[in-house]
């Protein structure tokens, strides 16, 4: 668990681990504090003092992104399997047990990755007294009838934008859901069904074999946004077996939308905008390296989200030039399909129309 100034939510996250049905005695918990300036350090130390299998690591200097603490934490893992959790989210109480039982089962051969769904939770949305709970998008039909898909149902969109998105653009980019015979989708290779890549990477819904990650030298690249995307996609390419649990919730993903409570990946800065686009280019290059021709399935949703964030960004001429040069480099390697070409052209067009703030 990477941690930075998470005092508001940290205890809830840690308690969701302590209360796991698999039994805390079966877990090793590695907490990496990225030089927090609030009370996170004392909270971490209190849990490490109370529970012997909690390991507290306090970094002397702030790295400034979850990639750093995660990579450091990987060096301390001793268990046979590996999971991740963000410090403002919470596991379902049986998350570890479900994922462990599946990845350690002999039902499927050579499983390196098992993952499920998450709930996206908007607490007291827009100062109301109501919570909005959505389920993570899946390209397969499911039996989870209480929740709507988070990608299709964006509560932050205006009524007109929501109508256009759900009835035109969503269908254009995502298409129809596929009916499946089983709620377990097993792939020996990601090429067997690239549509599974329409599912957002969600590093915190997954369990990995530790030796698979270590032997393949899979690490988080140094981006403040999109580092989990590249980690997940590289693991998919290298995995000998992947299992997706279409009807199973693993994680509760809490949206932090208030201005004073936004995470580093929610604050619109040049570094966020630039690192996000840089991470998408890195993912595109990774697809090219593995001769994977469906990189648009992975990246189109991210570019759509990037456009939405970019439209709220203001910067200077130098920042505009850096973004434009990066987008042009991405265009050269990102040519898969009409939709992909269209999106990257839109990105370049928007950057050229960038609202410049004089220094």
Protein backbone atom coordinates (compact mmCIF):
# COMPACT_ATOMS: atom_id res chain seq x y z
CA UNK A 1 0.00 0.00 0.00
CA UNK A 2 1.49 3.36 -1.05
CA UNK A 3 0.57 6.09 1.41
CA UNK A 4 0.82 9.87 1.27
CA UNK A 5 -1.21 12.21 3.50
CA UNK A 6 -4.05 9.72 3.80
CA UNK A 7 -5.08 10.29 7.42
CA UNK A 8 -8.75 10.77 6.54
CA UNK A 9 -9.25 7.32 4.98
CA UNK A 10 -6.25 5.27 6.07
CA UNK A 11 -7.82 3.52 9.07
CA UNK A 12 -10.80 2.39 6.99
CA UNK A 13 -8.43 0.92 4.38
CA UNK A 14 -6.27 -0.83 6.96
CA UNK A 15 -9.29 -2.22 8.81
CA UNK A 16 -10.57 -3.69 5.54
CA UNK A 17 -7.34 -5.73 5.53
CA UNK A 18 -7.43 -6.62 9.22
CA UNK A 19 -10.99 -7.97 8.87
CA UNK A 20 -10.37 -10.15 5.80
CA UNK A 21 -12.13 -13.53 5.98
CA UNK A 22 -8.94 -15.31 4.94
CA UNK A 23 -7.50 -14.41 8.33
CA UNK A 24 -4.97 -11.70 9.06
CA UNK A 25 -2.44 -14.36 10.09
CA UNK A 26 -2.26 -15.40 6.43
CA UNK A 27 -1.34 -11.94 5.18
CA UNK A 28 1.80 -9.84 5.03
CA UNK A 29 0.92 -6.13 4.91
CA UNK A 30 3.56 -3.74 3.53
CA UNK A 31 2.87 -0.05 4.16
CA UNK A 32 5.13 2.40 2.36
CA UNK A 33 4.79 5.97 3.60
CA UNK A 34 5.91 8.48 0.96
CA UNK A 35 7.09 11.03 3.53
CA UNK A 36 3.60 12.12 4.61
CA UNK A 37 3.23 15.44 6.42
CA UNK A 38 -0.03 14.62 8.23
CA UNK A 39 -0.71 11.97 10.88
CA UNK A 40 -0.40 9.03 8.46
CA UNK A 41 2.96 8.03 9.96
CA UNK A 42 1.54 7.62 13.46
CA UNK A 43 -1.45 5.67 12.14
CA UNK A 44 0.87 3.33 10.22
CA UNK A 45 3.11 2.83 13.25
CA UNK A 46 0.14 2.07 15.51
CA UNK A 47 -0.99 -0.76 13.20
CA UNK A 48 2.56 -2.07 12.80
CA UNK A 49 2.93 -2.12 16.59
CA UNK A 50 -0.39 -3.92 17.08
CA UNK A 51 0.02 -6.50 14.29
CA UNK A 52 3.28 -8.39 13.81
CA UNK A 53 2.71 -8.99 10.10
CA UNK A 54 2.36 -5.27 9.32
CA UNK A 55 5.61 -3.81 7.95
CA UNK A 56 5.98 -0.01 8.14
CA UNK A 57 8.42 1.63 5.72
CA UNK A 58 8.90 5.40 6.03
CA UNK A 59 10.63 7.15 3.13
CA UNK A 60 12.81 10.11 4.10
CA UNK A 61 12.08 12.00 0.88
CA UNK A 62 8.80 12.28 -1.00
CA UNK A 63 8.85 10.54 -4.39
CA UNK A 64 5.62 12.20 -5.46
CA UNK A 65 3.81 9.28 -7.06
CA UNK A 66 2.46 5.85 -6.11
CA UNK A 67 4.93 4.16 -8.49
CA UNK A 68 7.84 4.75 -6.10
CA UNK A 69 6.35 3.29 -2.90
CA UNK A 70 4.88 0.37 -4.87
CA UNK A 71 8.24 -0.55 -6.41
CA UNK A 72 9.93 -0.27 -3.03
CA UNK A 73 7.22 -2.41 -1.44
CA UNK A 74 7.73 -5.13 -4.06
CA UNK A 75 11.25 -5.68 -2.72
CA UNK A 76 9.90 -6.71 0.69
CA UNK A 77 7.26 -9.21 -0.45
CA UNK A 78 7.84 -12.71 0.96
CA UNK A 79 4.49 -14.32 0.19
CA UNK A 80 3.72 -16.52 -2.78
CA UNK A 81 1.07 -14.11 -4.06
CA UNK A 82 0.82 -10.35 -4.36
CA UNK A 83 -2.00 -7.79 -4.15
CA UNK A 84 -2.20 -3.99 -4.04
CA UNK A 85 -4.48 -1.55 -2.23
CA UNK A 86 -4.64 2.25 -2.33
CA UNK A 87 -4.77 4.05 1.00
CA UNK A 88 -8.17 5.66 0.36
CA UNK A 89 -9.95 2.51 -0.86
CA UNK A 90 -11.22 -0.64 0.86
CA UNK A 91 -11.31 -4.32 0.06
CA UNK A 92 -14.51 -6.31 0.15
CA UNK A 93 -14.18 -8.45 3.29
CA UNK A 94 -13.69 -11.68 1.31
CA UNK A 95 -11.47 -10.16 -1.42
CA UNK A 96 -8.22 -11.88 -0.44
CA UNK A 97 -9.91 -15.24 0.13
CA UNK A 98 -11.68 -15.20 -3.24
CA UNK A 99 -8.59 -14.21 -5.22
CA UNK A 100 -6.31 -16.60 -3.34
CA UNK A 101 -8.67 -19.56 -3.75
CA UNK A 102 -8.83 -18.96 -7.49
CA UNK A 103 -5.16 -18.38 -8.22
CA UNK A 104 -4.06 -21.33 -6.06
CA UNK A 105 -6.70 -23.68 -7.51
CA UNK A 106 -5.81 -26.44 -9.97
CA UNK A 107 -8.96 -25.71 -12.00
CA UNK A 108 -7.00 -23.66 -14.56
CA UNK A 109 -3.43 -24.13 -15.75
CA UNK A 110 -0.60 -21.63 -15.26
CA UNK A 111 -2.59 -18.83 -13.67
CA UNK A 112 -0.42 -15.74 -13.22
CA UNK A 113 -3.19 -13.15 -12.78
CA UNK A 114 -6.71 -13.30 -11.32
CA UNK A 115 -8.96 -10.27 -10.99
CA UNK A 116 -12.52 -9.13 -10.41
CA UNK A 117 -14.69 -5.99 -10.39
CA UNK A 118 -14.84 -2.91 -8.19
CA UNK A 119 -17.52 -0.57 -6.93
CA UNK A 120 -17.00 3.11 -7.72
CA UNK A 121 -18.47 5.04 -4.79
CA UNK A 122 -19.35 8.74 -4.75
CA UNK A 123 -20.03 9.58 -1.09
CA UNK A 124 -22.50 12.44 -0.54
CA UNK A 125 -22.29 13.26 -4.21
CA UNK A 126 -22.19 17.02 -4.90
CA UNK A 127 -23.05 17.87 -1.29
CA UNK A 128 -26.19 15.72 -1.27
CA UNK A 129 -26.95 13.12 1.38
CA UNK A 130 -26.94 10.31 -1.15
CA UNK A 131 -24.19 7.91 -2.18
CA UNK A 132 -23.88 6.86 -5.81
CA UNK A 133 -22.56 3.34 -6.31
CA UNK A 134 -21.55 2.14 -9.77
CA UNK A 135 -19.88 -1.08 -10.90
CA UNK A 136 -16.72 -1.18 -12.96
CA UNK A 137 -17.32 -1.62 -16.66
CA UNK A 138 -17.12 -5.09 -18.18
CA UNK A 139 -17.53 -5.99 -21.88
CA UNK A 140 -19.45 -9.10 -20.77
CA UNK A 141 -23.02 -9.33 -19.54
CA UNK A 142 -23.24 -10.08 -15.82
CA UNK A 143 -25.67 -10.95 -13.06
CA UNK A 144 -24.93 -7.84 -10.99
CA UNK A 145 -28.24 -6.05 -11.45
CA UNK A 146 -28.17 -3.44 -8.70
CA UNK A 147 -25.45 -1.20 -10.13
CA UNK A 148 -24.97 0.62 -13.43
CA UNK A 149 -21.62 0.71 -15.25
CA UNK A 150 -19.26 3.47 -14.16
CA UNK A 151 -18.01 4.29 -17.67
CA UNK A 152 -21.49 4.48 -19.17
CA UNK A 153 -23.03 6.38 -16.24
CA UNK A 154 -20.80 9.36 -15.42
CA UNK A 155 -22.60 11.43 -12.76
CA UNK A 156 -20.33 14.43 -13.37
CA UNK A 157 -21.63 14.98 -16.91
CA UNK A 158 -24.36 17.51 -17.65
CA UNK A 159 -27.73 16.12 -18.73
CA UNK A 160 -27.04 16.89 -22.41
CA UNK A 161 -23.48 15.51 -22.32
CA UNK A 162 -24.73 12.42 -20.49
CA UNK A 163 -27.40 11.81 -23.14
CA UNK A 164 -24.92 12.17 -26.00
CA UNK A 165 -22.35 9.96 -24.27
CA UNK A 166 -24.72 7.09 -23.42
CA UNK A 167 -26.62 7.07 -26.69
CA UNK A 168 -23.89 7.86 -29.22
CA UNK A 169 -20.26 8.03 -28.11
CA UNK A 170 -20.32 5.20 -25.56
CA UNK A 171 -21.82 2.80 -28.10
CA UNK A 172 -19.36 4.01 -30.75
CA UNK A 173 -16.28 3.32 -28.61
CA UNK A 174 -17.41 0.32 -26.55
CA UNK A 175 -20.01 -1.51 -28.62
CA UNK A 176 -22.43 -4.13 -27.28
CA UNK A 177 -21.73 -6.39 -24.34
CA UNK A 178 -21.14 -10.04 -25.04
CA UNK A 179 -23.14 -12.81 -23.41
CA UNK A 180 -20.97 -15.49 -21.82
CA UNK A 181 -21.73 -19.00 -20.58
CA UNK A 182 -19.68 -18.70 -17.41
CA UNK A 183 -18.90 -15.83 -15.08
CA UNK A 184 -15.27 -16.93 -15.15
CA UNK A 185 -13.33 -15.82 -18.23
CA UNK A 186 -10.07 -17.76 -18.59
CA UNK A 187 -7.47 -16.79 -21.17
CA UNK A 188 -4.17 -18.52 -21.89
CA UNK A 189 -3.17 -15.37 -23.75
CA UNK A 190 -4.62 -11.88 -23.91
CA UNK A 191 -4.83 -12.35 -27.68
CA UNK A 192 -7.61 -14.92 -27.18
CA UNK A 193 -10.05 -12.11 -26.37
CA UNK A 194 -8.62 -8.56 -26.62
CA UNK A 195 -12.01 -7.15 -25.56
CA UNK A 196 -11.09 -7.92 -21.97
CA UNK A 197 -8.71 -4.97 -22.29
CA UNK A 198 -11.72 -2.63 -22.34
CA UNK A 199 -11.77 -3.22 -18.58
CA UNK A 200 -9.88 -0.44 -16.77
CA UNK A 201 -6.57 -1.67 -15.31
CA UNK A 202 -7.56 -1.33 -11.60
CA UNK A 203 -4.38 -2.71 -10.02
CA UNK A 204 -6.27 -3.11 -6.72
CA UNK A 205 -8.71 -5.76 -8.04
CA UNK A 206 -5.94 -8.25 -8.86
CA UNK A 207 -3.76 -10.95 -7.40
CA UNK A 208 -0.46 -12.01 -8.98
CA UNK A 209 2.00 -14.83 -8.49
CA UNK A 210 4.96 -13.08 -6.91
CA UNK A 211 7.58 -15.09 -8.79
CA UNK A 212 5.83 -14.22 -12.07
CA UNK A 213 6.25 -10.50 -11.34
CA UNK A 214 9.82 -10.90 -10.05
CA UNK A 215 11.08 -13.23 -12.79
CA UNK A 216 9.73 -10.94 -15.51
CA UNK A 217 11.09 -7.77 -13.86
CA UNK A 218 7.69 -6.08 -14.02
CA UNK A 219 7.75 -2.72 -12.23
CA UNK A 220 5.78 0.49 -12.16
CA UNK A 221 7.20 3.14 -14.54
CA UNK A 222 7.86 6.59 -13.11
CA UNK A 223 4.61 8.37 -14.04
CA UNK A 224 2.30 10.00 -11.50
CA UNK A 225 -0.63 8.78 -13.63
CA UNK A 226 -0.87 5.74 -15.87
CA UNK A 227 1.85 3.78 -14.09
CA UNK A 228 -0.69 1.12 -13.11
CA UNK A 229 -1.90 0.92 -16.73
CA UNK A 230 1.58 0.00 -17.95
CA UNK A 231 2.15 -2.47 -15.09
CA UNK A 232 -1.13 -4.26 -15.82
CA UNK A 233 -0.70 -4.36 -19.60
CA UNK A 234 2.85 -5.68 -19.36
CA UNK A 235 1.68 -8.38 -16.96
CA UNK A 236 -1.08 -9.36 -19.40
CA UNK A 237 1.38 -9.72 -22.27
CA UNK A 238 3.72 -11.88 -20.22
CA UNK A 239 1.13 -13.98 -18.39
CA UNK A 240 0.60 -17.67 -19.20
CA UNK A 241 -2.90 -17.63 -17.74
CA UNK A 242 -5.41 -14.89 -16.83
CA UNK A 243 -8.73 -15.33 -15.02
CA UNK A 244 -11.41 -12.64 -14.80
CA UNK A 245 -14.27 -13.01 -12.29
CA UNK A 246 -17.08 -11.11 -13.98
CA UNK A 247 -19.61 -11.23 -11.14
CA UNK A 248 -17.27 -10.67 -8.20
CA UNK A 249 -16.53 -7.38 -6.41
CA UNK A 250 -13.03 -7.11 -4.94
CA UNK A 251 -12.53 -3.45 -4.14
CA UNK A 252 -14.47 -0.35 -3.12
CA UNK A 253 -13.03 2.62 -5.02
CA UNK A 254 -13.94 5.88 -3.30
CA UNK A 255 -14.04 9.04 -5.42
CA UNK A 256 -12.38 12.04 -3.77
CA UNK A 257 -13.82 15.02 -5.57
CA UNK A 258 -13.76 17.85 -3.07
CA UNK A 259 -11.10 20.48 -3.80
CA UNK A 260 -9.33 20.04 -0.47
CA UNK A 261 -9.40 16.26 -0.64
CA UNK A 262 -8.20 15.44 -4.14
CA UNK A 263 -5.42 12.91 -4.65
CA UNK A 264 -2.36 13.80 -6.70
CA UNK A 265 -3.94 12.19 -9.77
CA UNK A 266 -7.07 14.36 -9.48
CA UNK A 267 -5.33 17.78 -9.28
CA UNK A 268 -5.01 19.20 -12.78
CA UNK A 269 -1.38 20.24 -13.17
CA UNK A 270 0.98 20.21 -16.13
CA UNK A 271 2.82 17.22 -14.65
CA UNK A 272 -0.44 15.26 -14.45
CA UNK A 273 -1.42 16.18 -18.02
CA UNK A 274 2.06 15.48 -19.42
CA UNK A 275 2.72 12.29 -17.42
CA UNK A 276 -0.68 10.88 -18.38
CA UNK A 277 -0.03 11.36 -22.10
CA UNK A 278 3.52 10.07 -21.67
CA UNK A 279 2.24 6.93 -19.98
CA UNK A 280 -0.22 6.33 -22.84
CA UNK A 281 2.62 6.60 -25.36
CA UNK A 282 4.64 4.15 -23.26
CA UNK A 283 1.69 1.74 -23.33
CA UNK A 284 1.36 2.17 -27.09
CA UNK A 285 5.08 1.43 -27.48
CA UNK A 286 4.65 -1.64 -25.27
CA UNK A 287 1.86 -2.89 -27.53
CA UNK A 288 4.09 -2.39 -30.56
CA UNK A 289 6.92 -4.26 -28.84
CA UNK A 290 4.67 -7.30 -28.36
CA UNK A 291 3.15 -6.87 -31.85
CA UNK A 292 -0.28 -6.39 -30.30
CA UNK A 293 -2.48 -4.78 -32.92
CA UNK A 294 -5.44 -3.83 -30.72
CA UNK A 295 -3.80 -1.07 -28.67
CA UNK A 296 -6.75 1.20 -29.47
CA UNK A 297 -8.97 -1.02 -27.31
CA UNK A 298 -6.72 -0.21 -24.36
CA UNK A 299 -5.96 3.44 -24.97
CA UNK A 300 -9.07 4.96 -26.56
CA UNK A 301 -10.89 5.26 -23.19
CA UNK A 302 -7.82 6.84 -21.61
CA UNK A 303 -7.47 9.39 -24.39
CA UNK A 304 -11.15 10.25 -24.02
CA UNK A 305 -10.61 10.85 -20.31
CA UNK A 306 -7.41 12.82 -21.03
CA UNK A 307 -9.33 15.15 -23.35
CA UNK A 308 -11.91 15.79 -20.64
CA UNK A 309 -9.18 16.70 -18.12
CA UNK A 310 -7.13 18.70 -20.61
CA UNK A 311 -10.07 20.98 -21.37
CA UNK A 312 -9.92 22.18 -17.74
CA UNK A 313 -6.17 22.83 -17.84
CA UNK A 314 -4.48 26.19 -18.27
CA UNK A 315 -0.79 26.55 -18.93
CA UNK A 316 1.93 28.48 -20.68
CA UNK A 317 3.39 28.37 -24.17
CA UNK A 318 6.35 26.20 -23.17
CA UNK A 319 4.01 23.59 -21.69
CA UNK A 320 1.91 23.67 -24.86
CA UNK A 321 4.97 22.94 -27.00
CA UNK A 322 6.00 19.98 -24.81
CA UNK A 323 2.52 18.49 -25.00
CA UNK A 324 2.29 19.03 -28.74
CA UNK A 325 5.66 17.37 -29.40
CA UNK A 326 4.68 14.39 -27.25
CA UNK A 327 1.30 14.01 -28.97
CA UNK A 328 2.93 14.09 -32.39
CA UNK A 329 5.37 11.35 -31.32
CA UNK A 330 2.45 9.27 -30.09
CA UNK A 331 0.60 9.74 -33.37
CA UNK A 332 3.48 8.08 -35.26
CA UNK A 333 3.19 4.89 -33.23
CA UNK A 334 -0.57 4.93 -32.57
CA UNK A 335 -2.22 4.06 -35.87
CA UNK A 336 -4.50 1.18 -34.99
CA UNK A 337 -7.98 1.74 -36.38
CA UNK A 338 -10.08 4.72 -37.42
CA UNK A 339 -11.18 5.58 -33.87
CA UNK A 340 -7.57 5.63 -32.67
CA UNK A 341 -6.48 7.93 -35.48
CA UNK A 342 -9.46 10.18 -34.88
CA UNK A 343 -8.75 10.55 -31.16
CA UNK A 344 -5.06 11.36 -31.49
CA UNK A 345 -5.90 13.93 -34.19
CA UNK A 346 -8.42 15.49 -31.77
CA UNK A 347 -5.76 15.55 -29.04
CA UNK A 348 -3.31 17.38 -31.31
CA UNK A 349 -6.01 19.80 -32.46
CA UNK A 350 -6.96 20.66 -28.86
CA UNK A 351 -3.35 21.23 -27.86
CA UNK A 352 -2.90 23.60 -30.79
CA UNK A 353 -5.99 25.50 -29.60
CA UNK A 354 -4.53 25.47 -26.08
CA UNK A 355 -5.48 28.46 -23.91
CA UNK A 356 -2.11 30.05 -23.20
CA UNK A 357 -1.46 31.88 -19.93
CA UNK A 358 1.41 34.34 -20.22
CA UNK A 359 4.35 33.89 -17.85
